[in-house]
Amino acid sequence: PRSYFLEIIPQLGCGAGSPDPAAARAPRGSTGS
């Protein structure tokens, strides 16, 4: 396992109605937005 999805997955589902509001937080090591 090695993947850029470690950065991408925490950014998914940030819109209204997301089942996981915590996803709106940018992950450690992400581009910050």
Full PDB file with SEQRES, HELIX, SHEET, SSBOND, CRYST1, ORIGX, SCALE, CONECT and MASTER records, all heavy atoms in Angstrom:
SEQRES   1 A   33  PRO ARG SER TYR PHE LEU GLU ILE ILE PRO GLN LEU GLY          
SEQRES   2 A   33  CYS GLY ALA GLY SER PRO ASP PRO ALA ALA ALA ARG ALA          
SEQRES   3 A   33  PRO ARG GLY SER THR GLY SER                                  
HELIX    1 AA1 PHE A    5  ILE A    8  1                                   4    
HELIX    2 AA2 ILE A    9  GLN A   11  5                                   3    
HELIX    3 AA3 PRO A   21  ALA A   24  5                                   4    
CRYST1    1.000    1.000    1.000  90.00  90.00  90.00 P 1           1          
ORIGX1      1.000000  0.000000  0.000000        0.00000                         
ORIGX2      0.000000  1.000000  0.000000        0.00000                         
ORIGX3      0.000000  0.000000  1.000000        0.00000                         
SCALE1      1.000000  0.000000  0.000000        0.00000                         
SCALE2      0.000000  1.000000  0.000000        0.00000                         
SCALE3      0.000000  0.000000  1.000000        0.00000                         
ATOM      1  N   PRO A   1       0.811  -1.218   0.000  1.00  0.00           N  
ATOM      2  CA  PRO A   1       0.000   0.000   0.000  1.00  0.00           C  
ATOM      3  C   PRO A   1       0.846   1.270   0.000  1.00  0.00           C  
ATOM      4  O   PRO A   1       1.757   1.441   0.811  1.00  0.00           O  
ATOM      5  CB  PRO A   1      -0.807  -0.121   1.302  1.00  0.00           C  
ATOM      6  CG  PRO A   1      -0.905  -1.583   1.542  1.00  0.00           C  
ATOM      7  CD  PRO A   1       0.422  -2.140   1.082  1.00  0.00           C  
ATOM      8  N   ARG A   2       0.528   2.146  -0.923  1.00  0.00           N  
ATOM      9  CA  ARG A   2       1.103   3.490  -1.008  1.00  0.00           C  
ATOM     10  C   ARG A   2       0.221   4.234  -1.991  1.00  0.00           C  
ATOM     11  O   ARG A   2       0.035   3.797  -3.114  1.00  0.00           O  
ATOM     12  CB  ARG A   2       2.556   3.441  -1.496  1.00  0.00           C  
ATOM     13  CG  ARG A   2       2.753   2.600  -2.761  1.00  0.00           C  
ATOM     14  CD  ARG A   2       4.222   2.412  -3.080  1.00  0.00           C  
ATOM     15  NE  ARG A   2       4.425   1.689  -4.334  1.00  0.00           N  
ATOM     16  CZ  ARG A   2       4.465   0.358  -4.428  1.00  0.00           C  
ATOM     17  NH1 ARG A   2       4.305  -0.385  -3.348  1.00  0.00           N  
ATOM     18  NH2 ARG A   2       4.658  -0.222  -5.604  1.00  0.00           N  
ATOM     19  N   SER A   3      -0.354   5.327  -1.586  1.00  0.00           N  
ATOM     20  CA  SER A   3      -1.331   5.950  -2.456  1.00  0.00           C  
ATOM     21  C   SER A   3      -1.584   7.391  -2.059  1.00  0.00           C  
ATOM     22  O   SER A   3      -1.624   7.735  -0.870  1.00  0.00           O  
ATOM     23  CB  SER A   3      -2.658   5.178  -2.402  1.00  0.00           C  
ATOM     24  OG  SER A   3      -3.636   5.811  -3.199  1.00  0.00           O  
ATOM     25  N   TYR A   4      -1.796   8.212  -3.088  1.00  0.00           N  
ATOM     26  CA  TYR A   4      -2.202   9.593  -2.850  1.00  0.00           C  
ATOM     27  C   TYR A   4      -3.628   9.684  -2.320  1.00  0.00           C  
ATOM     28  O   TYR A   4      -4.061  10.739  -1.870  1.00  0.00           O  
ATOM     29  CB  TYR A   4      -2.062  10.414  -4.134  1.00  0.00           C  
ATOM     30  CG  TYR A   4      -0.625  10.709  -4.489  1.00  0.00           C  
ATOM     31  CD1 TYR A   4       0.051   9.967  -5.441  1.00  0.00           C  
ATOM     32  CD2 TYR A   4       0.054  11.733  -3.846  1.00  0.00           C  
ATOM     33  CE1 TYR A   4       1.378  10.228  -5.753  1.00  0.00           C  
ATOM     34  CE2 TYR A   4       1.389  12.012  -4.146  1.00  0.00           C  
ATOM     35  CZ  TYR A   4       2.038  11.255  -5.102  1.00  0.00           C  
ATOM     36  OH  TYR A   4       3.356  11.518  -5.394  1.00  0.00           O  
ATOM     37  N   PHE A   5      -4.357   8.581  -2.341  1.00  0.00           N  
ATOM     38  CA  PHE A   5      -5.708   8.611  -1.790  1.00  0.00           C  
ATOM     39  C   PHE A   5      -5.699   8.820  -0.286  1.00  0.00           C  
ATOM     40  O   PHE A   5      -6.730   9.157   0.293  1.00  0.00           O  
ATOM     41  CB  PHE A   5      -6.456   7.326  -2.154  1.00  0.00           C  
ATOM     42  CG  PHE A   5      -6.992   7.342  -3.559  1.00  0.00           C  
ATOM     43  CD1 PHE A   5      -6.589   6.385  -4.480  1.00  0.00           C  
ATOM     44  CD2 PHE A   5      -7.880   8.323  -3.961  1.00  0.00           C  
ATOM     45  CE1 PHE A   5      -7.075   6.415  -5.781  1.00  0.00           C  
ATOM     46  CE2 PHE A   5      -8.370   8.352  -5.256  1.00  0.00           C  
ATOM     47  CZ  PHE A   5      -7.974   7.391  -6.168  1.00  0.00           C  
ATOM     48  N   LEU A   6      -4.566   8.628   0.359  1.00  0.00           N  
ATOM     49  CA  LEU A   6      -4.468   8.982   1.764  1.00  0.00           C  
ATOM     50  C   LEU A   6      -4.761  10.467   1.956  1.00  0.00           C  
ATOM     51  O   LEU A   6      -5.333  10.877   2.979  1.00  0.00           O  
ATOM     52  CB  LEU A   6      -3.069   8.649   2.289  1.00  0.00           C  
ATOM     53  CG  LEU A   6      -2.814   8.906   3.776  1.00  0.00           C  
ATOM     54  CD1 LEU A   6      -3.723   8.048   4.645  1.00  0.00           C  
ATOM     55  CD2 LEU A   6      -1.348   8.647   4.115  1.00  0.00           C  
ATOM     56  N   GLU A   7      -4.405  11.297   0.983  1.00  0.00           N  
ATOM     57  CA  GLU A   7      -4.725  12.723   1.008  1.00  0.00           C  
ATOM     58  C   GLU A   7      -6.134  13.011   0.508  1.00  0.00           C  
ATOM     59  O   GLU A   7      -6.812  13.899   1.019  1.00  0.00           O  
ATOM     60  CB  GLU A   7      -3.741  13.506   0.127  1.00  0.00           C  
ATOM     61  CG  GLU A   7      -2.296  13.464   0.546  1.00  0.00           C  
ATOM     62  CD  GLU A   7      -1.421  14.277  -0.410  1.00  0.00           C  
ATOM     63  OE1 GLU A   7      -1.885  15.324  -0.901  1.00  0.00           O  
ATOM     64  OE2 GLU A   7      -0.283  13.852  -0.678  1.00  0.00           O  
ATOM     65  N   ILE A   8      -6.568  12.277  -0.493  1.00  0.00           N  
ATOM     66  CA  ILE A   8      -7.815  12.602  -1.186  1.00  0.00           C  
ATOM     67  C   ILE A   8      -9.044  12.156  -0.410  1.00  0.00           C  
ATOM     68  O   ILE A   8     -10.035  12.904  -0.299  1.00  0.00           O  
ATOM     69  CB  ILE A   8      -7.829  11.957  -2.589  1.00  0.00           C  
ATOM     70  CG1 ILE A   8      -6.620  12.420  -3.416  1.00  0.00           C  
ATOM     71  CG2 ILE A   8      -9.133  12.251  -3.303  1.00  0.00           C  
ATOM     72  CD1 ILE A   8      -6.548  13.916  -3.639  1.00  0.00           C  
ATOM     73  N   ILE A   9      -9.026  10.951   0.146  1.00  0.00           N  
ATOM     74  CA  ILE A   9     -10.225  10.398   0.785  1.00  0.00           C  
ATOM     75  C   ILE A   9     -10.761  11.292   1.906  1.00  0.00           C  
ATOM     76  O   ILE A   9     -11.983  11.496   1.990  1.00  0.00           O  
ATOM     77  CB  ILE A   9      -9.962   8.956   1.277  1.00  0.00           C  
ATOM     78  CG1 ILE A   9      -9.891   8.010   0.075  1.00  0.00           C  
ATOM     79  CG2 ILE A   9     -11.042   8.494   2.256  1.00  0.00           C  
ATOM     80  CD1 ILE A   9      -9.491   6.579   0.405  1.00  0.00           C  
ATOM     81  N   PRO A  10      -9.925  11.884   2.773  1.00  0.00           N  
ATOM     82  CA  PRO A  10     -10.481  12.740   3.817  1.00  0.00           C  
ATOM     83  C   PRO A  10     -11.160  14.003   3.290  1.00  0.00           C  
ATOM     84  O   PRO A  10     -11.870  14.679   4.047  1.00  0.00           O  
ATOM     85  CB  PRO A  10      -9.249  13.102   4.663  1.00  0.00           C  
ATOM     86  CG  PRO A  10      -8.303  11.981   4.427  1.00  0.00           C  
ATOM     87  CD  PRO A  10      -8.484  11.621   2.985  1.00  0.00           C  
ATOM     88  N   GLN A  11     -10.956  14.329   2.016  1.00  0.00           N  
ATOM     89  CA  GLN A  11     -11.593  15.515   1.444  1.00  0.00           C  
ATOM     90  C   GLN A  11     -12.941  15.200   0.791  1.00  0.00           C  
ATOM     91  O   GLN A  11     -13.677  16.114   0.419  1.00  0.00           O  
ATOM     92  CB  GLN A  11     -10.672  16.139   0.399  1.00  0.00           C  
ATOM     93  CG  GLN A  11      -9.318  16.567   0.940  1.00  0.00           C  
ATOM     94  CD  GLN A  11      -8.439  17.164  -0.139  1.00  0.00           C  
ATOM     95  OE1 GLN A  11      -8.803  18.137  -0.781  1.00  0.00           O  
ATOM     96  NE2 GLN A  11      -7.282  16.572  -0.365  1.00  0.00           N  
ATOM     97  N   LEU A  12     -13.276  13.933   0.665  1.00  0.00           N  
ATOM     98  CA  LEU A  12     -14.526  13.545   0.027  1.00  0.00           C  
ATOM     99  C   LEU A  12     -15.728  13.855   0.914  1.00  0.00           C  
ATOM    100  O   LEU A  12     -15.646  13.761   2.136  1.00  0.00           O  
ATOM    101  CB  LEU A  12     -14.520  12.047  -0.270  1.00  0.00           C  
ATOM    102  CG  LEU A  12     -13.698  11.554  -1.459  1.00  0.00           C  
ATOM    103  CD1 LEU A  12     -13.553  10.045  -1.411  1.00  0.00           C  
ATOM    104  CD2 LEU A  12     -14.360  11.981  -2.770  1.00  0.00           C  
ATOM    105  N   GLY A  13     -16.841  14.206   0.277  1.00  0.00           N  
ATOM    106  CA  GLY A  13     -18.100  14.324   0.989  1.00  0.00           C  
ATOM    107  C   GLY A  13     -18.234  15.539   1.848  1.00  0.00           C  
ATOM    108  O   GLY A  13     -18.846  15.489   2.917  1.00  0.00           O  
ATOM    109  N   CYS A  14     -17.702  16.659   1.393  1.00  0.00           N  
ATOM    110  CA  CYS A  14     -17.733  17.868   2.207  1.00  0.00           C  
ATOM    111  C   CYS A  14     -18.954  18.732   1.935  1.00  0.00           C  
ATOM    112  O   CYS A  14     -19.123  19.784   2.536  1.00  0.00           O  
ATOM    113  CB  CYS A  14     -16.484  18.710   1.951  1.00  0.00           C  
ATOM    114  SG  CYS A  14     -14.973  17.811   2.297  1.00  0.00           S  
ATOM    115  N   GLY A  15     -19.784  18.313   0.998  1.00  0.00           N  
ATOM    116  CA  GLY A  15     -20.948  19.122   0.637  1.00  0.00           C  
ATOM    117  C   GLY A  15     -22.080  18.968   1.619  1.00  0.00           C  
ATOM    118  O   GLY A  15     -22.032  18.202   2.574  1.00  0.00           O  
ATOM    119  N   ALA A  16     -23.152  19.695   1.365  1.00  0.00           N  
ATOM    120  CA  ALA A  16     -24.334  19.600   2.210  1.00  0.00           C  
ATOM    121  C   ALA A  16     -24.858  18.173   2.179  1.00  0.00           C  
ATOM    122  O   ALA A  16     -24.933  17.544   1.138  1.00  0.00           O  
ATOM    123  CB  ALA A  16     -25.407  20.567   1.719  1.00  0.00           C  
ATOM    124  N   GLY A  17     -25.235  17.674   3.348  1.00  0.00           N  
ATOM    125  CA  GLY A  17     -25.787  16.333   3.411  1.00  0.00           C  
ATOM    126  C   GLY A  17     -24.745  15.243   3.483  1.00  0.00           C  
ATOM    127  O   GLY A  17     -25.080  14.075   3.412  1.00  0.00           O  
ATOM    128  N   SER A  18     -23.463  15.624   3.611  1.00  0.00           N  
ATOM    129  CA  SER A  18     -22.434  14.606   3.738  1.00  0.00           C  
ATOM    130  C   SER A  18     -22.692  13.754   4.966  1.00  0.00           C  
ATOM    131  O   SER A  18     -23.040  14.272   6.025  1.00  0.00           O  
ATOM    132  CB  SER A  18     -21.055  15.261   3.855  1.00  0.00           C  
ATOM    133  OG  SER A  18     -20.111  14.306   4.270  1.00  0.00           O  
ATOM    134  N   PRO A  19     -22.527  12.430   4.865  1.00  0.00           N  
ATOM    135  CA  PRO A  19     -22.741  11.585   6.026  1.00  0.00           C  
ATOM    136  C   PRO A  19     -21.645  11.717   7.076  1.00  0.00           C  
ATOM    137  O   PRO A  19     -21.771  11.172   8.158  1.00  0.00           O  
ATOM    138  CB  PRO A  19     -22.733  10.169   5.441  1.00  0.00           C  
ATOM    139  CG  PRO A  19     -21.904  10.281   4.205  1.00  0.00           C  
ATOM    140  CD  PRO A  19     -22.179  11.646   3.666  1.00  0.00           C  
ATOM    141  N   ASP A  20     -20.588  12.436   6.750  1.00  0.00           N  
ATOM    142  CA  ASP A  20     -19.458  12.547   7.669  1.00  0.00           C  
ATOM    143  C   ASP A  20     -18.947  13.984   7.695  1.00  0.00           C  
ATOM    144  O   ASP A  20     -18.059  14.349   6.937  1.00  0.00           O  
ATOM    145  CB  ASP A  20     -18.331  11.602   7.246  1.00  0.00           C  
ATOM    146  CG  ASP A  20     -17.183  11.615   8.250  1.00  0.00           C  
ATOM    147  OD1 ASP A  20     -17.356  12.208   9.328  1.00  0.00           O  
ATOM    148  OD2 ASP A  20     -16.141  11.023   7.945  1.00  0.00           O  
ATOM    149  N   PRO A  21     -19.510  14.862   8.560  1.00  0.00           N  
ATOM    150  CA  PRO A  21     -19.085  16.256   8.594  1.00  0.00           C  
ATOM    151  C   PRO A  21     -17.606  16.423   8.860  1.00  0.00           C  
ATOM    152  O   PRO A  21     -17.000  17.416   8.455  1.00  0.00           O  
ATOM    153  CB  PRO A  21     -19.930  16.846   9.750  1.00  0.00           C  
ATOM    154  CG  PRO A  21     -21.098  15.920   9.878  1.00  0.00           C  
ATOM    155  CD  PRO A  21     -20.574  14.561   9.520  1.00  0.00           C  
ATOM    156  N   ALA A  22     -16.993  15.464   9.541  1.00  0.00           N  
ATOM    157  CA  ALA A  22     -15.557  15.586   9.832  1.00  0.00           C  
ATOM    158  C   ALA A  22     -14.727  15.598   8.573  1.00  0.00           C  
ATOM    159  O   ALA A  22     -13.576  16.011   8.579  1.00  0.00           O  
ATOM    160  CB  ALA A  22     -15.112  14.434  10.736  1.00  0.00           C  
ATOM    161  N   ALA A  23     -15.318  15.155   7.458  1.00  0.00           N  
ATOM    162  CA  ALA A  23     -14.563  15.124   6.201  1.00  0.00           C  
ATOM    163  C   ALA A  23     -14.193  16.508   5.725  1.00  0.00           C  
ATOM    164  O   ALA A  23     -13.310  16.675   4.889  1.00  0.00           O  
ATOM    165  CB  ALA A  23     -15.376  14.403   5.121  1.00  0.00           C  
ATOM    166  N   ALA A  24     -14.862  17.531   6.251  1.00  0.00           N  
ATOM    167  CA  ALA A  24     -14.566  18.898   5.815  1.00  0.00           C  
ATOM    168  C   ALA A  24     -13.210  19.371   6.293  1.00  0.00           C  
ATOM    169  O   ALA A  24     -12.690  20.372   5.811  1.00  0.00           O  
ATOM    170  CB  ALA A  24     -15.649  19.849   6.326  1.00  0.00           C  
ATOM    171  N   ARG A  25     -12.630  18.678   7.261  1.00  0.00           N  
ATOM    172  CA  ARG A  25     -11.303  19.070   7.734  1.00  0.00           C  
ATOM    173  C   ARG A  25     -10.244  18.577   6.772  1.00  0.00           C  
ATOM    174  O   ARG A  25     -10.225  17.397   6.405  1.00  0.00           O  
ATOM    175  CB  ARG A  25     -11.054  18.490   9.128  1.00  0.00           C  
ATOM    176  CG  ARG A  25     -11.989  19.045  10.187  1.00  0.00           C  
ATOM    177  CD  ARG A  25     -11.469  18.683  11.576  1.00  0.00           C  
ATOM    178  NE  ARG A  25     -11.437  17.248  11.760  1.00  0.00           N  
ATOM    179  CZ  ARG A  25     -12.441  16.548  12.273  1.00  0.00           C  
ATOM    180  NH1 ARG A  25     -13.558  17.148  12.619  1.00  0.00           N  
ATOM    181  NH2 ARG A  25     -12.321  15.233  12.442  1.00  0.00           N  
ATOM    182  N   ALA A  26      -9.362  19.456   6.368  1.00  0.00           N  
ATOM    183  CA  ALA A  26      -8.284  19.042   5.460  1.00  0.00           C  
ATOM    184  C   ALA A  26      -7.358  18.082   6.186  1.00  0.00           C  
ATOM    185  O   ALA A  26      -7.018  18.300   7.347  1.00  0.00           O  
ATOM    186  CB  ALA A  26      -7.509  20.264   4.982  1.00  0.00           C  
ATOM    187  N   PRO A  27      -6.915  17.002   5.526  1.00  0.00           N  
ATOM    188  CA  PRO A  27      -6.047  16.033   6.181  1.00  0.00           C  
ATOM    189  C   PRO A  27      -4.644  16.568   6.365  1.00  0.00           C  
ATOM    190  O   PRO A  27      -4.210  17.463   5.648  1.00  0.00           O  
ATOM    191  CB  PRO A  27      -6.047  14.850   5.201  1.00  0.00           C  
ATOM    192  CG  PRO A  27      -6.286  15.493   3.869  1.00  0.00           C  
ATOM    193  CD  PRO A  27      -7.205  16.646   4.142  1.00  0.00           C  
ATOM    194  N   ARG A  28      -3.951  15.988   7.336  1.00  0.00           N  
ATOM    195  CA  ARG A  28      -2.544  16.335   7.536  1.00  0.00           C  
ATOM    196  C   ARG A  28      -1.758  16.034   6.260  1.00  0.00           C  
ATOM    197  O   ARG A  28      -1.895  14.974   5.663  1.00  0.00           O  
ATOM    198  CB  ARG A  28      -1.962  15.529   8.687  1.00  0.00           C  
ATOM    199  CG  ARG A  28      -0.525  15.888   9.026  1.00  0.00           C  
ATOM    200  CD  ARG A  28       0.027  14.958  10.061  1.00  0.00           C  
ATOM    201  NE  ARG A  28      -0.792  14.962  11.260  1.00  0.00           N  
ATOM    202  CZ  ARG A  28      -0.572  14.133  12.286  1.00  0.00           C  
ATOM    203  NH1 ARG A  28       0.394  13.250  12.239  1.00  0.00           N  
ATOM    204  NH2 ARG A  28      -1.362  14.186  13.348  1.00  0.00           N  
ATOM    205  N   GLY A  29      -0.955  16.995   5.805  1.00  0.00           N  
ATOM    206  CA  GLY A  29      -0.160  16.775   4.609  1.00  0.00           C  
ATOM    207  C   GLY A  29      -0.894  17.104   3.327  1.00  0.00           C  
ATOM    208  O   GLY A  29      -0.351  16.967   2.244  1.00  0.00           O  
ATOM    209  N   SER A  30      -2.152  17.573   3.425  1.00  0.00           N  
ATOM    210  CA  SER A  30      -2.887  17.915   2.211  1.00  0.00           C  
ATOM    211  C   SER A  30      -2.485  19.295   1.747  1.00  0.00           C  
ATOM    212  O   SER A  30      -1.706  19.996   2.378  1.00  0.00           O  
ATOM    213  CB  SER A  30      -4.395  17.877   2.478  1.00  0.00           C  
ATOM    214  OG  SER A  30      -4.789  19.025   3.207  1.00  0.00           O  
ATOM    215  N   THR A  31      -3.069  19.733   0.645  1.00  0.00           N  
ATOM    216  CA  THR A  31      -2.745  21.045   0.121  1.00  0.00           C  
ATOM    217  C   THR A  31      -3.403  22.155   0.929  1.00  0.00           C  
ATOM    218  O   THR A  31      -3.170  23.324   0.683  1.00  0.00           O  
ATOM    219  CB  THR A  31      -3.207  21.150  -1.337  1.00  0.00           C  
ATOM    220  OG1 THR A  31      -4.603  20.837  -1.399  1.00  0.00           O  
ATOM    221  CG2 THR A  31      -2.432  20.191  -2.214  1.00  0.00           C  
ATOM    222  N   GLY A  32      -4.271  21.795   1.902  1.00  0.00           N  
ATOM    223  CA  GLY A  32      -4.860  22.790   2.778  1.00  0.00           C  
ATOM    224  C   GLY A  32      -6.214  23.287   2.333  1.00  0.00           C  
ATOM    225  O   GLY A  32      -6.870  24.025   3.048  1.00  0.00           O  
ATOM    226  N   SER A  33      -6.689  22.925   1.159  1.00  0.00           N  
ATOM    227  CA  SER A  33      -8.006  23.326   0.687  1.00  0.00           C  
ATOM    228  C   SER A  33      -8.685  22.127   0.067  1.00  0.00           C  
ATOM    229  O   SER A  33      -8.042  21.196  -0.405  1.00  0.00           O  
ATOM    230  CB  SER A  33      -7.890  24.459  -0.335  1.00  0.00           C  
ATOM    231  OG  SER A  33      -7.140  24.036  -1.453  1.00  0.00           O  
TER     232      SER A  33                                                      
MASTER        0    0    0    3    0    0    0    6  231    1    0    3          
END                                                                             
